[in-house]
Structures are given as C-alpha cells and as structure tokens.
N, C-alpha and C. Protein backbone atom coordinates (compact mmCIF):
# COMPACT_ATOMS: atom_id res chain seq x y z
N GLN A 1 81.16 48.23 47.37
CA GLN A 1 80.43 47.70 46.17
C GLN A 1 81.18 48.05 44.98
N VAL A 2 81.52 47.07 44.18
CA VAL A 2 82.27 47.42 42.70
C VAL A 2 81.48 48.14 41.96
N GLN A 3 82.16 49.05 41.39
CA GLN A 3 81.47 49.88 40.34
C GLN A 3 82.11 49.64 38.89
N LEU A 4 81.37 49.72 37.96
CA LEU A 4 81.70 49.40 36.56
C LEU A 4 81.50 50.82 35.83
N VAL A 5 82.41 51.25 35.28
CA VAL A 5 82.20 52.59 34.50
C VAL A 5 82.82 52.31 33.04
N GLU A 6 81.73 52.58 32.10
CA GLU A 6 82.04 52.52 30.69
C GLU A 6 82.40 53.77 30.09
N SER A 7 83.15 53.73 28.99
CA SER A 7 83.52 54.92 28.27
C SER A 7 83.71 54.71 26.81
N GLY A 8 83.86 55.64 25.88
CA GLY A 8 84.18 55.28 24.53
C GLY A 8 83.02 55.19 23.47
N GLY A 9 82.00 55.32 24.04
CA GLY A 9 80.83 55.34 22.86
C GLY A 9 80.78 56.47 22.08
N GLY A 10 79.87 56.48 21.12
CA GLY A 10 79.80 57.71 20.31
C GLY A 10 79.06 57.54 18.98
N SER A 11 79.24 58.26 18.00
CA SER A 11 78.51 58.26 16.78
C SER A 11 79.57 57.98 15.66
N VAL A 12 79.20 57.06 14.67
CA VAL A 12 80.13 56.61 13.63
C VAL A 12 79.35 56.24 12.38
N GLN A 13 79.87 56.46 11.22
CA GLN A 13 79.05 55.94 10.13
C GLN A 13 79.23 54.53 9.87
N ALA A 14 78.35 53.82 9.22
CA ALA A 14 78.52 52.44 8.86
C ALA A 14 79.84 52.18 8.23
N GLY A 15 80.30 50.97 8.67
CA GLY A 15 81.64 50.58 8.24
C GLY A 15 82.72 51.12 9.21
N GLY A 16 82.41 52.03 10.01
CA GLY A 16 83.54 52.49 10.96
C GLY A 16 83.69 51.64 12.05
N SER A 17 84.60 52.02 13.08
CA SER A 17 84.97 51.38 14.12
C SER A 17 84.86 52.29 15.35
N LEU A 18 84.69 51.62 16.63
CA LEU A 18 84.70 52.10 17.80
C LEU A 18 85.18 51.19 18.74
N ARG A 19 85.72 51.72 19.89
CA ARG A 19 86.07 50.85 21.10
C ARG A 19 85.50 51.57 22.31
N VAL A 20 84.89 50.48 23.03
CA VAL A 20 84.23 50.85 24.32
C VAL A 20 85.03 50.23 25.58
N SER A 21 85.19 50.88 26.46
CA SER A 21 85.99 50.30 27.60
C SER A 21 85.05 50.27 28.81
N CYS A 22 85.40 49.47 29.81
CA CYS A 22 84.74 49.29 30.95
C CYS A 22 85.79 48.93 32.07
N THR A 23 85.88 49.96 33.09
CA THR A 23 86.75 49.89 34.33
C THR A 23 86.08 49.44 35.59
N ALA A 24 86.49 48.41 36.22
CA ALA A 24 85.93 47.97 37.50
C ALA A 24 86.88 48.71 38.57
N SER A 25 86.16 49.24 39.62
CA SER A 25 86.78 49.89 40.79
C SER A 25 87.70 49.08 41.64
N GLU A 26 87.45 47.64 41.47
CA GLU A 26 88.26 46.87 42.11
C GLU A 26 88.05 45.46 41.51
N HIS A 27 89.09 44.58 41.80
CA HIS A 27 88.93 43.23 41.31
C HIS A 27 88.36 42.38 42.38
N THR A 28 87.31 41.54 41.99
CA THR A 28 86.56 40.55 42.82
C THR A 28 86.50 39.46 42.07
N TYR A 29 86.11 38.36 42.68
CA TYR A 29 85.67 36.97 42.07
C TYR A 29 84.84 37.17 40.79
N SER A 30 83.85 38.05 40.99
CA SER A 30 82.85 38.20 39.82
C SER A 30 83.49 38.75 38.67
N THR A 31 84.58 39.67 38.83
CA THR A 31 85.16 40.41 37.70
C THR A 31 86.13 39.52 36.97
N ASN A 32 86.26 38.21 37.40
CA ASN A 32 87.09 37.41 36.67
C ASN A 32 86.51 37.06 35.28
N CYS A 33 85.24 37.25 35.13
CA CYS A 33 84.44 37.08 33.84
C CYS A 33 83.58 38.43 33.59
N MET A 34 83.84 38.90 32.45
CA MET A 34 83.06 40.22 32.08
C MET A 34 82.40 39.93 30.85
N GLY A 35 81.31 40.69 30.71
CA GLY A 35 80.79 40.69 29.39
C GLY A 35 80.16 42.06 28.92
N TRP A 36 79.87 41.98 27.73
CA TRP A 36 79.19 43.30 27.05
C TRP A 36 77.76 42.81 26.67
N PHE A 37 76.75 43.79 26.96
CA PHE A 37 75.41 43.56 26.49
C PHE A 37 75.04 44.96 25.85
N ARG A 38 73.82 44.74 25.02
CA ARG A 38 73.49 46.02 24.45
C ARG A 38 71.86 45.91 24.43
N GLN A 39 71.33 47.08 24.36
CA GLN A 39 70.01 47.19 24.13
C GLN A 39 69.43 48.39 23.27
N ALA A 40 68.84 48.02 22.35
CA ALA A 40 68.35 48.96 21.28
C ALA A 40 67.03 49.42 21.69
N PRO A 41 66.42 50.58 21.34
CA PRO A 41 65.15 51.15 21.69
C PRO A 41 64.04 50.10 21.36
N GLY A 42 63.23 49.76 22.19
CA GLY A 42 62.29 48.91 21.91
C GLY A 42 62.51 47.36 21.87
N LYS A 43 63.67 47.04 22.19
CA LYS A 43 64.16 45.60 22.20
C LYS A 43 64.66 45.26 23.44
N GLU A 44 64.86 43.94 23.85
CA GLU A 44 65.21 43.40 24.79
C GLU A 44 66.86 43.45 24.93
N ARG A 45 67.41 43.54 26.22
CA ARG A 45 68.90 43.57 26.22
C ARG A 45 69.36 42.18 25.77
N GLU A 46 70.40 42.33 25.01
CA GLU A 46 71.01 41.02 24.54
C GLU A 46 72.55 41.06 24.88
N LEU A 47 73.04 39.71 24.97
CA LEU A 47 74.43 39.52 25.25
C LEU A 47 75.17 39.65 24.07
N VAL A 48 76.25 40.38 23.89
CA VAL A 48 77.17 40.60 22.81
C VAL A 48 78.36 39.74 22.83
N ALA A 49 79.03 39.71 24.01
CA ALA A 49 80.34 39.02 24.25
C ALA A 49 80.69 38.80 25.53
N TYR A 50 81.50 37.86 25.93
CA TYR A 50 81.91 37.81 27.22
C TYR A 50 83.33 37.20 27.16
N SER A 51 84.22 37.38 28.30
CA SER A 51 85.52 36.91 28.31
C SER A 51 85.71 36.57 29.84
N GLY A 52 86.11 35.27 30.12
CA GLY A 52 86.43 35.01 31.36
C GLY A 52 87.66 34.12 31.64
N ASP A 53 88.24 34.13 32.77
CA ASP A 53 89.48 33.33 33.06
C ASP A 53 89.47 32.02 32.66
N THR A 54 88.40 31.41 33.01
CA THR A 54 88.24 29.94 32.68
C THR A 54 87.27 29.47 31.68
N LEU A 55 86.71 30.49 30.96
CA LEU A 55 85.68 30.15 29.92
C LEU A 55 86.13 30.57 28.63
N PRO A 56 85.78 29.86 27.48
CA PRO A 56 86.17 30.25 26.19
C PRO A 56 85.36 31.55 25.95
N THR A 57 85.96 32.46 25.09
CA THR A 57 85.31 33.67 24.70
C THR A 57 84.13 33.41 23.90
N TYR A 58 83.19 34.15 24.16
CA TYR A 58 81.83 33.99 23.42
C TYR A 58 81.46 35.25 22.48
N TYR A 59 81.03 35.09 21.43
CA TYR A 59 80.44 36.23 20.71
C TYR A 59 78.95 35.88 20.10
N ALA A 60 78.13 36.82 20.22
CA ALA A 60 76.79 36.52 19.59
C ALA A 60 77.12 36.43 18.00
N ASP A 61 76.20 35.69 17.33
CA ASP A 61 76.29 35.59 15.95
C ASP A 61 76.37 36.75 15.20
N SER A 62 75.53 37.74 15.66
CA SER A 62 75.36 39.01 15.00
C SER A 62 76.68 39.87 14.88
N VAL A 63 77.63 39.63 15.82
CA VAL A 63 78.87 40.28 15.93
C VAL A 63 80.04 39.49 15.71
N ASN A 64 79.93 38.27 15.49
CA ASN A 64 81.11 37.43 15.40
C ASN A 64 81.97 37.82 14.09
N GLY A 65 83.18 37.92 14.40
CA GLY A 65 84.05 38.34 13.15
C GLY A 65 84.19 39.90 12.98
N ARG A 66 83.35 40.65 13.69
CA ARG A 66 83.32 42.01 13.65
C ARG A 66 83.90 42.72 15.00
N PHE A 67 83.49 42.12 16.05
CA PHE A 67 83.82 42.62 17.37
C PHE A 67 84.84 41.74 17.99
N ASN A 68 85.65 42.37 18.84
CA ASN A 68 86.51 41.64 19.63
C ASN A 68 86.62 42.11 21.04
N ILE A 69 86.52 41.22 22.01
CA ILE A 69 86.60 41.54 23.41
C ILE A 69 87.96 41.16 23.92
N SER A 70 88.43 42.05 24.79
CA SER A 70 89.72 41.80 25.34
C SER A 70 89.77 42.38 26.82
N ARG A 71 90.72 41.87 27.73
CA ARG A 71 90.70 42.27 29.03
C ARG A 71 92.06 42.61 29.31
N ASP A 72 92.30 43.76 30.25
CA ASP A 72 93.56 44.00 30.90
C ASP A 72 93.44 43.80 32.30
N ASN A 73 94.00 42.73 32.82
CA ASN A 73 93.47 42.43 34.24
C ASN A 73 94.30 43.40 35.07
N ALA A 74 95.43 43.89 34.58
CA ALA A 74 96.18 44.79 35.48
C ALA A 74 95.47 46.12 35.75
N LYS A 75 94.61 46.46 34.79
CA LYS A 75 93.90 47.72 34.73
C LYS A 75 92.41 47.37 35.12
N ASN A 76 92.04 46.12 35.49
CA ASN A 76 90.82 45.90 35.80
C ASN A 76 89.75 46.37 34.73
N THR A 77 90.23 46.19 33.34
CA THR A 77 89.46 46.83 32.27
C THR A 77 89.14 45.79 31.25
N VAL A 78 87.94 45.97 30.85
CA VAL A 78 87.51 45.09 29.55
C VAL A 78 87.17 46.05 28.52
N TYR A 79 87.61 45.65 27.28
CA TYR A 79 87.22 46.40 26.04
C TYR A 79 86.42 45.69 25.03
N LEU A 80 85.70 46.34 24.18
CA LEU A 80 84.99 45.92 23.17
C LEU A 80 85.42 46.65 21.95
N GLN A 81 86.27 46.06 21.01
CA GLN A 81 86.46 46.81 19.76
C GLN A 81 85.52 46.31 18.67
N MET A 82 84.91 47.34 18.28
CA MET A 82 83.83 46.98 17.17
C MET A 82 84.18 47.61 15.88
N ASN A 83 84.20 46.64 14.94
CA ASN A 83 84.67 46.99 13.48
C ASN A 83 83.50 46.75 12.58
N SER A 84 83.65 47.33 11.48
CA SER A 84 82.59 47.13 10.42
C SER A 84 81.16 47.44 10.98
N LEU A 85 81.01 48.47 11.69
CA LEU A 85 79.73 48.64 12.38
C LEU A 85 78.68 48.86 11.42
N LYS A 86 77.43 48.44 11.85
CA LYS A 86 76.22 48.52 10.93
C LYS A 86 75.21 49.33 11.75
N PRO A 87 74.44 49.81 11.10
CA PRO A 87 73.23 50.74 11.87
C PRO A 87 72.47 49.86 12.79
N GLU A 88 72.35 48.57 12.62
CA GLU A 88 71.64 47.81 13.60
C GLU A 88 72.52 47.51 14.83
N ASP A 89 73.71 47.84 14.92
CA ASP A 89 74.57 47.81 16.01
C ASP A 89 74.36 48.87 16.99
N THR A 90 73.49 49.93 16.46
CA THR A 90 73.10 51.08 17.48
C THR A 90 72.29 50.61 18.63
N ALA A 91 72.81 50.94 19.80
CA ALA A 91 72.29 50.55 21.08
C ALA A 91 72.98 51.22 22.14
N MET A 92 72.49 50.95 23.42
CA MET A 92 73.13 51.42 24.50
C MET A 92 73.94 50.09 24.94
N TYR A 93 75.18 50.25 25.16
CA TYR A 93 76.09 49.19 25.40
C TYR A 93 76.34 49.23 26.77
N TYR A 94 76.30 48.00 27.59
CA TYR A 94 76.49 47.92 28.95
C TYR A 94 77.63 46.84 29.30
N CYS A 95 78.52 47.12 30.12
CA CYS A 95 79.35 45.98 30.55
C CYS A 95 78.83 45.46 31.90
N ALA A 96 79.07 44.32 32.11
CA ALA A 96 78.49 43.59 33.43
C ALA A 96 79.46 42.45 33.78
N THR A 97 79.30 41.94 34.87
CA THR A 97 80.00 40.62 35.24
C THR A 97 79.14 39.65 34.69
N CYS A 98 79.84 38.41 34.36
CA CYS A 98 79.12 37.47 33.61
C CYS A 98 77.97 36.89 34.65
N ASP A 99 77.97 36.99 35.81
CA ASP A 99 76.95 36.51 36.49
C ASP A 99 75.73 37.54 36.64
N ARG A 100 76.01 38.63 35.91
CA ARG A 100 75.02 39.80 35.91
C ARG A 100 74.67 40.37 37.19
N SER A 101 75.67 40.35 38.18
CA SER A 101 75.38 40.90 39.53
C SER A 101 75.77 42.34 39.55
N ILE A 102 76.73 42.81 38.70
CA ILE A 102 77.15 44.18 38.75
C ILE A 102 77.07 44.63 37.26
N TRP A 103 76.57 45.86 37.13
CA TRP A 103 76.36 46.44 35.82
C TRP A 103 76.98 47.97 35.90
N GLY A 104 77.41 48.29 34.66
CA GLY A 104 77.77 49.69 34.48
C GLY A 104 76.64 50.56 34.04
N GLN A 105 76.81 51.76 33.94
CA GLN A 105 75.59 52.70 33.53
C GLN A 105 75.39 52.78 32.10
N GLY A 106 76.20 52.14 31.22
CA GLY A 106 75.73 52.12 29.73
C GLY A 106 76.67 53.37 29.02
N THR A 107 76.76 53.15 27.82
CA THR A 107 77.45 54.08 26.92
C THR A 107 76.84 53.90 25.56
N GLN A 108 76.30 55.01 24.91
CA GLN A 108 75.58 54.95 23.81
C GLN A 108 76.49 54.76 22.51
N VAL A 109 76.21 53.94 21.67
CA VAL A 109 76.68 53.80 20.32
C VAL A 109 75.82 53.84 19.32
N THR A 110 75.99 54.87 18.29
CA THR A 110 75.07 55.13 17.22
C THR A 110 75.79 55.03 15.90
N VAL A 111 75.34 54.22 15.09
CA VAL A 111 75.82 53.91 13.83
C VAL A 111 74.76 54.57 12.80
N SER A 112 75.32 55.38 11.95
CA SER A 112 74.46 55.95 10.86
C SER A 112 74.79 55.45 9.43
N SER A 113 73.86 55.36 8.68
CA SER A 113 73.96 54.79 7.32
C SER A 113 74.45 55.75 6.36
C-alpha cells in the first residue's frame, strides 16, 4: 500500500510563506496526479491545487496567484509553496492522489493576523 507523508507545516504571520511537502513511498499509476486539499475547523475539506502528468495544473480561486504546486518525480514528492498567506488559509493540509484513493495524514498550517 502506497503511503503519503506530509511535512513542512507550521505557524506564520499573515503575509508570510510556507512550503509543505508530500512524499510517496513508491510511484504508482495513481501518483501520476497529486493534489493538495485543506480542511479548516467546522468546514468541509476543499481542493486547493493539483498537478498531473496529463492534466493542466489547477488552483482554487482562493489561492490562485499565491500558491504554487510542483512535483519532483525523481523523489516521488509534491510541494505546495504558499505565499502571501492569510488567516483564512489556516487549515489542516492534506496531500492525496487526484483520484482521492490515497491520503496523507495531514500537516497543520496556522496563519496569524
């Protein structure tokens, strides 16, 4: 079973930057497309961004222009660079395969005003 492990979350002030990473234990067909999701307390989990070998990169409107998703296939790793962070970006961030069949455990991102 493929495992996804996130890292890099933390706390930052508004306007700051963070980069979260997600490494897959192995490459599979499903890991050809990877995404980042987030869930804030009391809210539903939402898609933030995804990147796939045969798909155009996608960003949610709320993060477009501030966040950047990238992949290092040699390392089976996907990154989410988050810039100009806002308090409303505070959430648990999860990586997952685009088909949502495999999920990481999540990493907390907290943005203070």
